[in-house]
N, C-alpha and C. Protein backbone atom coordinates (compact mmCIF):
# COMPACT_ATOMS: atom_id res chain seq x y z
N MET A 1 23.78 84.01 -24.27
CA MET A 1 24.06 84.96 -23.20
C MET A 1 23.03 84.83 -22.07
N VAL A 2 21.75 84.73 -22.46
CA VAL A 2 20.69 84.60 -21.47
C VAL A 2 20.85 83.31 -20.69
N ARG A 3 21.21 82.22 -21.43
CA ARG A 3 21.38 80.92 -20.76
C ARG A 3 22.53 80.99 -19.76
N ARG A 4 23.59 81.72 -20.10
CA ARG A 4 24.74 81.85 -19.20
C ARG A 4 24.35 82.61 -17.93
N VAL A 5 23.57 83.69 -18.11
CA VAL A 5 23.12 84.46 -16.95
C VAL A 5 22.24 83.62 -16.04
N LEU A 6 21.32 82.85 -16.64
CA LEU A 6 20.44 81.98 -15.85
C LEU A 6 21.24 80.93 -15.10
N LEU A 7 22.28 80.38 -15.75
CA LEU A 7 23.11 79.38 -15.10
C LEU A 7 23.84 79.97 -13.90
N LEU A 8 24.38 81.19 -14.07
CA LEU A 8 25.06 81.85 -12.95
C LEU A 8 24.10 82.12 -11.80
N MET A 9 22.87 82.52 -12.11
CA MET A 9 21.88 82.78 -11.08
C MET A 9 21.55 81.52 -10.30
N LEU A 10 21.45 80.40 -11.01
CA LEU A 10 21.16 79.13 -10.35
C LEU A 10 22.31 78.71 -9.44
N LEU A 11 23.54 78.93 -9.91
CA LEU A 11 24.71 78.57 -9.11
C LEU A 11 24.77 79.40 -7.83
N PHE A 12 24.54 80.72 -7.95
CA PHE A 12 24.55 81.59 -6.77
C PHE A 12 23.42 81.21 -5.81
N SER A 13 22.26 80.87 -6.35
CA SER A 13 21.14 80.48 -5.50
C SER A 13 21.45 79.20 -4.76
N ALA A 14 22.11 78.25 -5.44
CA ALA A 14 22.48 76.99 -4.81
C ALA A 14 23.47 77.22 -3.69
N ASP A 15 24.44 78.12 -3.91
CA ASP A 15 25.42 78.45 -2.88
C ASP A 15 24.74 79.05 -1.67
N ALA A 16 23.82 79.98 -1.90
CA ALA A 16 23.12 80.63 -0.79
C ALA A 16 22.30 79.61 -0.01
N LEU A 17 21.61 78.71 -0.73
CA LEU A 17 20.81 77.69 -0.05
C LEU A 17 21.69 76.77 0.77
N SER A 18 22.88 76.43 0.21
CA SER A 18 23.81 75.57 0.93
C SER A 18 24.24 76.21 2.24
N ASP A 19 24.49 77.55 2.22
CA ASP A 19 24.89 78.25 3.43
C ASP A 19 23.79 78.20 4.48
N VAL A 20 22.54 78.40 4.04
CA VAL A 20 21.41 78.38 4.97
C VAL A 20 21.26 77.00 5.59
N GLN A 21 21.36 75.95 4.76
CA GLN A 21 21.18 74.59 5.24
C GLN A 21 22.34 74.11 6.09
N HIS A 22 23.43 74.86 6.13
CA HIS A 22 24.60 74.45 6.91
C HIS A 22 24.28 74.45 8.40
N TRP A 23 23.39 75.34 8.84
CA TRP A 23 22.95 75.34 10.23
C TRP A 23 21.93 74.21 10.42
N GLN A 24 22.12 73.44 11.47
CA GLN A 24 21.20 72.35 11.78
C GLN A 24 20.49 72.64 13.11
N LEU A 25 19.19 72.41 13.13
CA LEU A 25 18.42 72.64 14.35
C LEU A 25 18.73 71.54 15.37
N TRP A 26 19.09 71.98 16.59
CA TRP A 26 19.29 71.03 17.69
C TRP A 26 18.02 70.88 18.51
N LYS A 27 17.45 72.00 18.94
CA LYS A 27 16.26 71.92 19.78
C LYS A 27 15.53 73.26 19.81
N GLN A 28 14.20 73.18 19.97
CA GLN A 28 13.36 74.36 20.21
C GLN A 28 12.57 74.12 21.49
N HIS A 29 12.53 75.13 22.35
CA HIS A 29 11.82 74.98 23.62
C HIS A 29 11.44 76.35 24.17
N ASP A 30 10.16 76.50 24.50
CA ASP A 30 9.66 77.71 25.15
C ASP A 30 10.07 78.98 24.42
N GLY A 31 10.02 78.95 23.10
CA GLY A 31 10.33 80.12 22.30
C GLY A 31 11.80 80.27 21.92
N ALA A 32 12.65 79.43 22.46
CA ALA A 32 14.08 79.50 22.14
C ALA A 32 14.45 78.43 21.12
N SER A 33 15.31 78.79 20.18
CA SER A 33 15.78 77.86 19.16
C SER A 33 17.30 77.82 19.19
N VAL A 34 17.87 76.62 19.12
CA VAL A 34 19.32 76.46 19.14
C VAL A 34 19.74 75.66 17.91
N TYR A 35 20.71 76.19 17.18
CA TYR A 35 21.23 75.56 15.98
C TYR A 35 22.74 75.35 16.14
N TYR A 36 23.30 74.52 15.26
CA TYR A 36 24.74 74.30 15.30
C TYR A 36 25.26 73.98 13.89
N LYS A 37 26.53 74.22 13.69
CA LYS A 37 27.22 73.73 12.51
C LYS A 37 28.62 73.30 12.93
N LYS A 38 29.10 72.24 12.31
CA LYS A 38 30.34 71.61 12.72
C LYS A 38 31.51 72.14 11.90
N HIS A 39 32.55 72.58 12.59
CA HIS A 39 33.76 73.03 11.92
C HIS A 39 34.62 71.82 11.56
N ASP A 40 35.60 72.03 10.71
CA ASP A 40 36.46 70.93 10.26
C ASP A 40 37.19 70.25 11.41
N ASN A 41 37.44 70.98 12.50
CA ASN A 41 38.15 70.39 13.65
C ASN A 41 37.22 69.64 14.59
N GLY A 42 35.92 69.59 14.26
CA GLY A 42 34.97 68.84 15.08
C GLY A 42 34.23 69.69 16.09
N ILE A 43 34.59 70.95 16.26
CA ILE A 43 33.93 71.83 17.23
C ILE A 43 32.67 72.44 16.62
N PHE A 44 31.61 72.48 17.41
CA PHE A 44 30.37 73.09 16.96
C PHE A 44 30.41 74.60 17.13
N GLU A 45 29.95 75.31 16.11
CA GLU A 45 29.59 76.72 16.25
C GLU A 45 28.10 76.73 16.57
N VAL A 46 27.69 77.47 17.58
CA VAL A 46 26.31 77.42 18.06
C VAL A 46 25.62 78.76 17.82
N GLN A 47 24.38 78.68 17.40
CA GLN A 47 23.55 79.87 17.21
C GLN A 47 22.25 79.66 17.97
N ALA A 48 21.86 80.64 18.77
CA ALA A 48 20.64 80.53 19.56
C ALA A 48 19.84 81.81 19.43
N GLU A 49 18.51 81.69 19.43
CA GLU A 49 17.66 82.87 19.22
C GLU A 49 16.39 82.78 20.06
N ILE A 50 15.97 83.94 20.57
CA ILE A 50 14.73 84.03 21.33
C ILE A 50 14.18 85.45 21.19
N THR A 51 12.87 85.59 21.28
CA THR A 51 12.23 86.91 21.23
C THR A 51 11.54 87.17 22.56
N VAL A 52 11.78 88.36 23.09
CA VAL A 52 11.24 88.73 24.40
C VAL A 52 10.34 89.96 24.23
N GLU A 53 9.18 89.91 24.85
CA GLU A 53 8.22 91.01 24.74
C GLU A 53 8.50 92.09 25.79
N GLY A 54 8.28 93.34 25.38
CA GLY A 54 8.29 94.45 26.31
C GLY A 54 9.65 94.86 26.84
N VAL A 55 10.71 94.50 26.15
CA VAL A 55 12.05 94.91 26.57
C VAL A 55 12.78 95.56 25.40
N THR A 56 13.87 96.23 25.71
CA THR A 56 14.66 96.92 24.70
C THR A 56 16.11 96.43 24.72
N ALA A 57 16.85 96.86 23.71
CA ALA A 57 18.27 96.52 23.66
C ALA A 57 19.00 97.09 24.87
N ASN A 58 18.59 98.25 25.33
CA ASN A 58 19.22 98.85 26.51
C ASN A 58 18.96 98.01 27.76
N ASP A 59 17.75 97.42 27.86
CA ASP A 59 17.47 96.51 28.97
C ASP A 59 18.45 95.34 28.96
N PHE A 60 18.67 94.78 27.78
CA PHE A 60 19.61 93.66 27.64
C PHE A 60 21.02 94.07 28.06
N MET A 61 21.47 95.22 27.58
CA MET A 61 22.83 95.67 27.90
C MET A 61 22.96 95.99 29.39
N THR A 62 21.88 96.47 30.01
CA THR A 62 21.90 96.73 31.45
C THR A 62 22.06 95.44 32.22
N LEU A 63 21.33 94.41 31.80
CA LEU A 63 21.47 93.09 32.43
C LEU A 63 22.88 92.56 32.26
N LEU A 64 23.42 92.70 31.05
CA LEU A 64 24.76 92.18 30.78
C LEU A 64 25.81 92.91 31.61
N SER A 65 25.58 94.18 31.89
CA SER A 65 26.54 94.96 32.67
C SER A 65 26.51 94.61 34.15
N ASP A 66 25.44 93.94 34.59
CA ASP A 66 25.34 93.51 35.98
C ASP A 66 26.14 92.23 36.16
N THR A 67 27.44 92.37 36.20
CA THR A 67 28.33 91.20 36.22
C THR A 67 28.17 90.36 37.48
N ASP A 68 27.74 90.97 38.58
CA ASP A 68 27.55 90.20 39.82
C ASP A 68 26.47 89.12 39.66
N SER A 69 25.49 89.39 38.80
CA SER A 69 24.40 88.42 38.63
C SER A 69 24.67 87.41 37.52
N ALA A 70 25.77 87.57 36.80
CA ALA A 70 26.07 86.67 35.68
C ALA A 70 26.02 85.19 36.05
N PRO A 71 26.61 84.77 37.20
CA PRO A 71 26.56 83.34 37.55
C PRO A 71 25.15 82.83 37.81
N LEU A 72 24.18 83.73 37.99
CA LEU A 72 22.82 83.31 38.27
C LEU A 72 22.06 82.89 37.01
N TRP A 73 22.58 83.28 35.83
CA TRP A 73 21.85 82.91 34.61
C TRP A 73 22.74 82.37 33.49
N ILE A 74 24.05 82.58 33.58
CA ILE A 74 24.95 82.04 32.55
C ILE A 74 25.50 80.71 33.04
N ASP A 75 25.23 79.65 32.32
CA ASP A 75 25.57 78.29 32.72
C ASP A 75 27.08 78.12 32.91
N ASN A 76 27.47 77.52 34.03
CA ASN A 76 28.86 77.16 34.36
C ASN A 76 29.77 78.35 34.62
N VAL A 77 29.25 79.56 34.61
CA VAL A 77 30.07 80.74 34.91
C VAL A 77 30.08 80.99 36.42
N THR A 78 31.27 81.20 36.96
CA THR A 78 31.40 81.45 38.40
C THR A 78 31.77 82.89 38.73
N HIS A 79 32.35 83.60 37.76
CA HIS A 79 32.81 84.96 38.06
C HIS A 79 33.00 85.74 36.77
N VAL A 80 32.52 87.00 36.77
CA VAL A 80 32.73 87.90 35.63
C VAL A 80 33.18 89.24 36.18
N LYS A 81 34.23 89.79 35.59
CA LYS A 81 34.75 91.07 36.05
C LYS A 81 35.21 91.91 34.87
N VAL A 82 34.78 93.17 34.84
CA VAL A 82 35.27 94.11 33.83
C VAL A 82 36.66 94.58 34.25
N LEU A 83 37.67 94.24 33.47
CA LEU A 83 39.04 94.62 33.79
C LEU A 83 39.35 96.06 33.38
N GLU A 84 38.80 96.45 32.24
CA GLU A 84 39.11 97.79 31.72
C GLU A 84 38.01 98.24 30.78
N ARG A 85 37.67 99.50 30.85
CA ARG A 85 36.73 100.09 29.90
C ARG A 85 37.54 100.98 28.97
N LEU A 86 37.73 100.50 27.73
CA LEU A 86 38.57 101.20 26.77
C LEU A 86 37.89 102.44 26.20
N SER A 87 36.58 102.38 26.10
CA SER A 87 35.77 103.48 25.60
C SER A 87 34.33 103.20 26.05
N PRO A 88 33.40 104.12 25.83
CA PRO A 88 32.02 103.84 26.24
C PRO A 88 31.43 102.59 25.60
N SER A 89 32.00 102.15 24.46
CA SER A 89 31.46 100.99 23.76
C SER A 89 32.35 99.75 23.85
N GLU A 90 33.55 99.87 24.45
CA GLU A 90 34.52 98.77 24.44
C GLU A 90 34.98 98.41 25.85
N THR A 91 35.04 97.11 26.12
CA THR A 91 35.49 96.65 27.43
C THR A 91 36.41 95.44 27.30
N ILE A 92 37.22 95.24 28.34
CA ILE A 92 38.00 94.02 28.50
C ILE A 92 37.43 93.30 29.72
N VAL A 93 37.04 92.04 29.54
CA VAL A 93 36.33 91.31 30.59
C VAL A 93 37.02 89.98 30.89
N HIS A 94 37.09 89.63 32.18
CA HIS A 94 37.60 88.33 32.60
C HIS A 94 36.45 87.47 33.07
N THR A 95 36.37 86.23 32.57
CA THR A 95 35.29 85.30 32.92
C THR A 95 35.88 83.97 33.37
N GLU A 96 35.34 83.42 34.45
CA GLU A 96 35.77 82.12 34.94
C GLU A 96 34.63 81.11 34.80
N PHE A 97 35.00 79.87 34.42
CA PHE A 97 34.03 78.80 34.20
C PHE A 97 34.34 77.61 35.11
N ASP A 98 33.29 77.00 35.61
CA ASP A 98 33.41 75.80 36.43
C ASP A 98 33.17 74.58 35.55
N SER A 99 34.21 73.81 35.28
CA SER A 99 34.08 72.62 34.44
C SER A 99 33.70 71.41 35.28
N PRO A 100 32.90 70.49 34.75
CA PRO A 100 32.53 69.29 35.51
C PRO A 100 33.75 68.41 35.77
N TRP A 101 33.78 67.84 36.98
CA TRP A 101 34.87 66.92 37.33
C TRP A 101 34.89 65.75 36.35
N PRO A 102 36.06 65.29 35.88
CA PRO A 102 37.41 65.64 36.35
C PRO A 102 38.12 66.67 35.47
N LEU A 103 37.37 67.43 34.68
CA LEU A 103 37.97 68.38 33.77
C LEU A 103 38.46 69.62 34.53
N ALA A 104 39.53 70.23 34.00
CA ALA A 104 40.07 71.45 34.60
C ALA A 104 39.13 72.63 34.33
N ASP A 105 39.08 73.55 35.26
CA ASP A 105 38.29 74.77 35.06
C ASP A 105 38.91 75.61 33.94
N ARG A 106 38.09 76.46 33.34
CA ARG A 106 38.52 77.33 32.26
C ARG A 106 38.33 78.79 32.66
N ASP A 107 39.04 79.67 31.98
CA ASP A 107 38.77 81.10 32.07
C ASP A 107 39.10 81.74 30.75
N MET A 108 38.71 82.99 30.58
CA MET A 108 39.06 83.72 29.35
C MET A 108 39.07 85.21 29.62
N VAL A 109 39.87 85.89 28.85
CA VAL A 109 39.88 87.34 28.82
C VAL A 109 39.39 87.74 27.43
N SER A 110 38.38 88.59 27.38
CA SER A 110 37.77 88.91 26.09
C SER A 110 37.64 90.42 25.89
N TYR A 111 37.66 90.78 24.63
CA TYR A 111 37.42 92.16 24.20
C TYR A 111 36.02 92.21 23.61
N SER A 112 35.23 93.21 23.99
CA SER A 112 33.89 93.35 23.43
C SER A 112 33.65 94.76 22.95
N CYS A 113 32.82 94.87 21.92
CA CYS A 113 32.49 96.18 21.35
C CYS A 113 31.02 96.20 20.97
N TYR A 114 30.33 97.28 21.33
CA TYR A 114 28.90 97.43 21.08
C TYR A 114 28.69 98.47 19.99
N GLN A 115 28.03 98.06 18.89
CA GLN A 115 27.86 98.93 17.73
C GLN A 115 26.40 99.01 17.28
N GLN A 116 26.06 100.12 16.65
CA GLN A 116 24.75 100.28 16.01
C GLN A 116 24.89 99.86 14.56
N LEU A 117 24.07 98.89 14.11
CA LEU A 117 24.13 98.43 12.73
C LEU A 117 23.19 99.22 11.83
N ASN A 118 21.99 99.48 12.33
CA ASN A 118 20.99 100.25 11.59
C ASN A 118 19.95 100.77 12.59
N ASP A 119 18.82 101.23 12.09
CA ASP A 119 17.81 101.83 12.98
C ASP A 119 17.23 100.85 13.98
N THR A 120 17.25 99.56 13.67
CA THR A 120 16.59 98.58 14.55
C THR A 120 17.55 97.55 15.14
N GLN A 121 18.81 97.55 14.74
CA GLN A 121 19.73 96.50 15.18
C GLN A 121 21.01 97.05 15.81
N THR A 122 21.41 96.43 16.91
CA THR A 122 22.72 96.68 17.51
C THR A 122 23.41 95.33 17.68
N LYS A 123 24.73 95.38 17.84
CA LYS A 123 25.50 94.14 17.90
C LYS A 123 26.64 94.28 18.90
N LEU A 124 26.75 93.30 19.79
CA LEU A 124 27.86 93.22 20.73
C LEU A 124 28.78 92.11 20.27
N THR A 125 29.97 92.47 19.81
CA THR A 125 30.94 91.51 19.31
C THR A 125 31.96 91.19 20.40
N ILE A 126 32.31 89.90 20.52
CA ILE A 126 33.21 89.44 21.57
C ILE A 126 34.28 88.56 20.96
N ALA A 127 35.54 88.77 21.37
CA ALA A 127 36.65 87.95 20.88
C ALA A 127 37.66 87.76 21.99
N ALA A 128 38.33 86.61 21.97
CA ALA A 128 39.35 86.32 22.98
C ALA A 128 40.51 87.29 22.84
N LYS A 129 41.07 87.68 23.98
CA LYS A 129 42.23 88.56 24.01
C LYS A 129 43.34 87.87 24.78
N THR A 130 44.51 87.82 24.20
CA THR A 130 45.64 87.14 24.84
C THR A 130 46.58 88.17 25.46
N GLY A 131 47.41 87.69 26.38
CA GLY A 131 48.42 88.54 26.99
C GLY A 131 47.90 89.46 28.06
N GLU A 132 46.72 89.17 28.59
CA GLU A 132 46.14 90.01 29.63
C GLU A 132 45.74 89.15 30.82
N PHE A 133 45.96 89.65 32.00
CA PHE A 133 45.45 89.04 33.24
C PHE A 133 46.14 87.71 33.54
N ALA A 134 46.77 87.64 34.68
CA ALA A 134 47.48 86.42 35.09
C ALA A 134 46.49 85.27 35.26
N LYS A 135 46.89 84.09 34.84
CA LYS A 135 46.06 82.91 34.91
C LYS A 135 46.38 82.11 36.16
N ARG A 136 45.35 81.62 36.82
CA ARG A 136 45.56 80.78 38.00
C ARG A 136 46.08 79.41 37.58
N GLN A 137 46.90 78.81 38.43
CA GLN A 137 47.47 77.50 38.14
C GLN A 137 46.36 76.47 38.01
N ALA A 138 46.52 75.55 37.08
CA ALA A 138 45.58 74.46 36.81
C ALA A 138 44.30 74.92 36.12
N VAL A 139 44.22 76.20 35.75
CA VAL A 139 43.07 76.71 35.00
C VAL A 139 43.50 76.89 33.54
N ILE A 140 42.70 76.38 32.63
CA ILE A 140 43.03 76.46 31.20
C ILE A 140 42.42 77.73 30.61
N ARG A 141 43.24 78.51 29.95
CA ARG A 141 42.79 79.77 29.34
C ARG A 141 42.23 79.50 27.94
N ILE A 142 41.00 79.94 27.70
CA ILE A 142 40.40 79.85 26.37
C ILE A 142 40.93 81.00 25.53
N THR A 143 41.61 80.66 24.43
CA THR A 143 42.24 81.70 23.60
C THR A 143 41.67 81.76 22.18
N ASP A 144 40.76 80.85 21.87
CA ASP A 144 40.15 80.81 20.53
C ASP A 144 38.64 80.97 20.70
N LEU A 145 38.18 82.20 20.60
CA LEU A 145 36.77 82.51 20.83
C LEU A 145 36.32 83.64 19.93
N LYS A 146 35.17 83.43 19.29
CA LYS A 146 34.49 84.49 18.54
C LYS A 146 32.99 84.36 18.83
N ALA A 147 32.39 85.46 19.23
CA ALA A 147 30.97 85.42 19.57
C ALA A 147 30.34 86.78 19.32
N HIS A 148 29.02 86.80 19.24
CA HIS A 148 28.31 88.08 19.18
C HIS A 148 26.87 87.92 19.63
N TRP A 149 26.32 89.02 20.13
CA TRP A 149 24.90 89.15 20.43
C TRP A 149 24.32 90.14 19.43
N LEU A 150 23.33 89.70 18.66
CA LEU A 150 22.63 90.58 17.71
C LEU A 150 21.26 90.90 18.29
N LEU A 151 20.98 92.18 18.48
CA LEU A 151 19.73 92.63 19.09
C LEU A 151 18.89 93.35 18.05
N THR A 152 17.69 92.83 17.80
CA THR A 152 16.81 93.40 16.79
C THR A 152 15.52 93.86 17.45
N GLN A 153 15.26 95.17 17.38
CA GLN A 153 14.06 95.76 17.98
C GLN A 153 12.97 95.85 16.92
N HIS A 154 11.78 95.32 17.24
CA HIS A 154 10.65 95.41 16.31
C HIS A 154 9.36 95.39 17.13
N SER A 155 8.23 95.31 16.45
CA SER A 155 6.95 95.33 17.16
C SER A 155 5.95 94.48 16.42
N SER A 156 4.93 94.04 17.16
CA SER A 156 3.84 93.25 16.58
C SER A 156 2.56 93.59 17.33
N GLU A 157 1.57 94.09 16.58
CA GLU A 157 0.28 94.47 17.15
C GLU A 157 0.45 95.43 18.32
N GLY A 158 1.37 96.38 18.16
CA GLY A 158 1.60 97.40 19.16
C GLY A 158 2.48 96.98 20.32
N GLN A 159 2.94 95.73 20.31
CA GLN A 159 3.78 95.21 21.38
C GLN A 159 5.26 95.30 20.99
N SER A 160 6.07 95.92 21.84
CA SER A 160 7.50 96.01 21.59
C SER A 160 8.15 94.65 21.77
N LEU A 161 9.00 94.27 20.83
CA LEU A 161 9.66 92.97 20.86
C LEU A 161 11.16 93.15 20.65
N LEU A 162 11.94 92.31 21.32
CA LEU A 162 13.39 92.29 21.12
C LEU A 162 13.79 90.86 20.77
N THR A 163 14.31 90.68 19.56
CA THR A 163 14.83 89.37 19.16
C THR A 163 16.32 89.33 19.45
N ILE A 164 16.72 88.35 20.24
CA ILE A 164 18.11 88.21 20.67
C ILE A 164 18.71 87.00 19.98
N THR A 165 19.75 87.22 19.20
CA THR A 165 20.44 86.13 18.52
C THR A 165 21.87 86.06 19.04
N TYR A 166 22.24 84.88 19.51
CA TYR A 166 23.58 84.67 20.08
C TYR A 166 24.30 83.65 19.23
N GLU A 167 25.53 83.98 18.84
CA GLU A 167 26.33 83.06 18.04
C GLU A 167 27.72 82.97 18.64
N ILE A 168 28.23 81.72 18.79
CA ILE A 168 29.52 81.53 19.44
C ILE A 168 30.28 80.35 18.86
N TYR A 169 31.57 80.57 18.68
CA TYR A 169 32.52 79.49 18.39
C TYR A 169 33.62 79.61 19.43
N ALA A 170 33.88 78.52 20.16
CA ALA A 170 34.91 78.54 21.19
C ALA A 170 35.63 77.20 21.24
N ASN A 171 36.94 77.25 21.19
CA ASN A 171 37.75 76.05 21.39
C ASN A 171 38.11 75.99 22.86
N PRO A 172 37.62 74.98 23.61
CA PRO A 172 37.84 74.95 25.05
C PRO A 172 39.28 74.69 25.45
N GLY A 173 40.07 74.15 24.51
CA GLY A 173 41.47 73.86 24.82
C GLY A 173 41.60 72.71 25.82
N GLY A 174 42.83 72.25 26.00
CA GLY A 174 43.06 71.18 26.96
C GLY A 174 42.56 69.83 26.46
N ALA A 175 42.62 68.85 27.34
CA ALA A 175 42.25 67.48 26.99
C ALA A 175 40.78 67.24 27.29
N ILE A 176 39.91 67.80 26.46
CA ILE A 176 38.48 67.59 26.61
C ILE A 176 37.94 67.11 25.26
N PRO A 177 37.22 65.97 25.24
CA PRO A 177 36.69 65.48 23.96
C PRO A 177 35.65 66.45 23.41
N TYR A 178 35.70 66.68 22.09
CA TYR A 178 34.81 67.66 21.49
C TYR A 178 33.35 67.24 21.58
N TRP A 179 33.08 65.93 21.59
CA TRP A 179 31.68 65.50 21.71
C TRP A 179 31.08 65.99 23.03
N LEU A 180 31.95 66.06 24.07
CA LEU A 180 31.48 66.53 25.37
C LEU A 180 31.32 68.04 25.39
N SER A 181 32.32 68.76 24.88
CA SER A 181 32.23 70.23 24.86
C SER A 181 31.10 70.70 23.95
N ASN A 182 30.86 69.99 22.85
CA ASN A 182 29.75 70.34 21.96
C ASN A 182 28.41 70.16 22.66
N LYS A 183 28.27 69.05 23.39
CA LYS A 183 27.04 68.77 24.13
C LYS A 183 26.78 69.84 25.18
N VAL A 184 27.84 70.20 25.92
CA VAL A 184 27.72 71.23 26.94
C VAL A 184 27.36 72.57 26.31
N GLY A 185 27.97 72.89 25.16
CA GLY A 185 27.71 74.16 24.49
C GLY A 185 26.27 74.30 24.06
N LEU A 186 25.67 73.24 23.53
CA LEU A 186 24.28 73.27 23.09
C LEU A 186 23.34 73.45 24.27
N LYS A 187 23.56 72.66 25.32
CA LYS A 187 22.69 72.75 26.50
C LYS A 187 22.82 74.11 27.18
N SER A 188 24.04 74.62 27.23
CA SER A 188 24.26 75.92 27.86
C SER A 188 23.56 77.04 27.10
N ALA A 189 23.61 76.98 25.77
CA ALA A 189 22.96 78.01 24.95
C ALA A 189 21.46 78.05 25.23
N MET A 190 20.82 76.89 25.31
CA MET A 190 19.40 76.83 25.60
C MET A 190 19.10 77.35 27.01
N HIS A 191 19.89 76.88 27.98
CA HIS A 191 19.71 77.32 29.36
C HIS A 191 19.86 78.84 29.49
N ASN A 192 20.90 79.38 28.87
CA ASN A 192 21.19 80.81 29.00
C ASN A 192 20.08 81.68 28.40
N LEU A 193 19.56 81.28 27.24
CA LEU A 193 18.51 82.09 26.61
C LEU A 193 17.24 82.10 27.46
N LEU A 194 16.84 80.94 27.97
CA LEU A 194 15.62 80.88 28.77
C LEU A 194 15.78 81.64 30.09
N ALA A 195 16.96 81.51 30.71
CA ALA A 195 17.22 82.24 31.95
C ALA A 195 17.30 83.74 31.68
N LEU A 196 17.90 84.11 30.55
CA LEU A 196 17.98 85.51 30.14
C LEU A 196 16.59 86.11 29.96
N LYS A 197 15.70 85.36 29.30
CA LYS A 197 14.34 85.84 29.07
C LYS A 197 13.63 86.13 30.39
N LEU A 198 13.75 85.23 31.35
CA LEU A 198 13.10 85.42 32.64
C LEU A 198 13.62 86.65 33.37
N ARG A 199 14.93 86.83 33.34
CA ARG A 199 15.52 87.97 34.05
C ARG A 199 15.14 89.29 33.38
N LEU A 200 15.03 89.30 32.07
CA LEU A 200 14.62 90.51 31.37
C LEU A 200 13.17 90.85 31.66
N ILE A 201 12.30 89.84 31.62
CA ILE A 201 10.88 90.08 31.86
C ILE A 201 10.64 90.53 33.30
N ASN A 202 11.32 89.88 34.25
CA ASN A 202 11.12 90.19 35.67
C ASN A 202 12.00 91.33 36.16
N LYS A 203 12.90 91.80 35.27
CA LYS A 203 13.84 92.88 35.60
C LYS A 203 14.63 92.58 36.88
N THR A 204 15.11 91.35 36.99
CA THR A 204 15.89 90.94 38.16
C THR A 204 17.38 91.16 37.89
N TYR A 205 17.72 92.44 37.79
CA TYR A 205 19.12 92.82 37.61
C TYR A 205 19.30 94.23 38.15
N GLN A 206 20.54 94.53 38.49
CA GLN A 206 20.86 95.85 39.03
C GLN A 206 21.00 96.86 37.89
N THR A 207 20.49 98.05 38.09
CA THR A 207 20.55 99.07 37.04
C THR A 207 21.52 100.20 37.36
N ASN A 208 22.33 99.99 38.40
CA ASN A 208 23.26 101.06 38.78
C ASN A 208 24.67 100.80 38.27
N GLN A 209 24.79 99.88 37.32
CA GLN A 209 26.09 99.57 36.75
C GLN A 209 26.35 100.47 35.54
N GLN A 210 27.61 100.56 35.13
CA GLN A 210 27.96 101.31 33.93
C GLN A 210 27.63 100.47 32.70
N VAL A 211 26.74 100.95 31.87
CA VAL A 211 26.26 100.20 30.72
C VAL A 211 26.99 100.65 29.46
N SER A 212 27.42 99.69 28.64
CA SER A 212 28.09 100.02 27.38
C SER A 212 27.12 100.73 26.45
N GLN A 213 27.64 101.73 25.74
CA GLN A 213 26.86 102.50 24.78
C GLN A 213 27.34 102.19 23.37
N VAL A 214 26.46 102.37 22.39
CA VAL A 214 26.87 102.12 21.01
C VAL A 214 27.97 103.11 20.62
N GLY A 215 28.92 102.61 19.83
CA GLY A 215 30.03 103.45 19.42
C GLY A 215 30.92 102.72 18.43
N ASN A 216 32.16 103.17 18.32
CA ASN A 216 33.11 102.59 17.38
C ASN A 216 34.04 101.59 18.05
N CYS A 217 34.49 100.61 17.29
CA CYS A 217 35.42 99.61 17.79
C CYS A 217 36.86 100.06 17.50
N SER A 218 37.24 101.18 18.06
CA SER A 218 38.53 101.79 17.73
C SER A 218 39.71 100.97 18.22
N HIS A 219 39.51 100.11 19.23
CA HIS A 219 40.60 99.29 19.75
C HIS A 219 40.62 97.87 19.21
N ALA A 220 39.72 97.57 18.25
CA ALA A 220 39.59 96.20 17.77
C ALA A 220 40.88 95.69 17.14
N ASN A 221 41.56 96.51 16.38
CA ASN A 221 42.79 96.08 15.68
C ASN A 221 43.97 95.95 16.62
N LYS A 222 43.81 96.40 17.87
CA LYS A 222 44.90 96.31 18.83
C LYS A 222 44.82 95.04 19.68
N GLN A 223 43.77 94.22 19.43
CA GLN A 223 43.60 93.03 20.25
C GLN A 223 44.48 91.89 19.75
C-alpha cells in the first residue's frame, strides 16, 4: 500500500514538473521575461512578466483605460475603442492592428472582465467576441483569442511592488505563416512590457477615463 502511494506521488510530481517545463524561456531583458509554449497547430502561446516599483493595480487599470494612448505603447496597435461597458467590471473593446506589408491588417472585438482573486491578486480576462462591430473590407478579424493580465501586489523592504503577468494565445487568421506571427508575438510581448513599465513609472497616461472596477463576469457566458 505504501509503495502504491509513493508511486502515485511520483507520477503526480512528474506531471507537475512536465507542466512547468512546458514553458520555454525566449528572452529576459531589463527586468522583463518572455516565455512561450507551442500548440499542436504551431501557434505559440506567450507569457510575459515584469515587476514595477511604486505602482498599484489601479494604476495599471487606469493606464489600460486610457485607450487614446494605447498605440503609444502597444506594438502594432493603431486604434482602441471601448464599444460598450456591460458593467463596472466588463467591457466590449474594438482593437485595430497594423500588419507589416504585404500582410493584411487585423482587428478584433473582445470581451474583458476584471476580477479580484484574493487579497493581493486581480485578473483581467480577455476573449474574442464574434458577431459584433462591422469589419472593414480587406481587414482580417481575429476570432480565436484568449488572454489575461494577472496583477500581483506585494512589497519588499517597504517598497510597494506590482508584478504584471501577461498571457496570450491568438490565431491571427488569414494567410500568414506561423513562424512569422510567432516571432512578432514574442517581440511584441517584450516591447509592450518595457513600454508599459516606463509609462507606469512616469505616469504618462490620462486619469480622467472610466476605469474598470473589480466585479463579477456576469456576461461571460453570453459571449
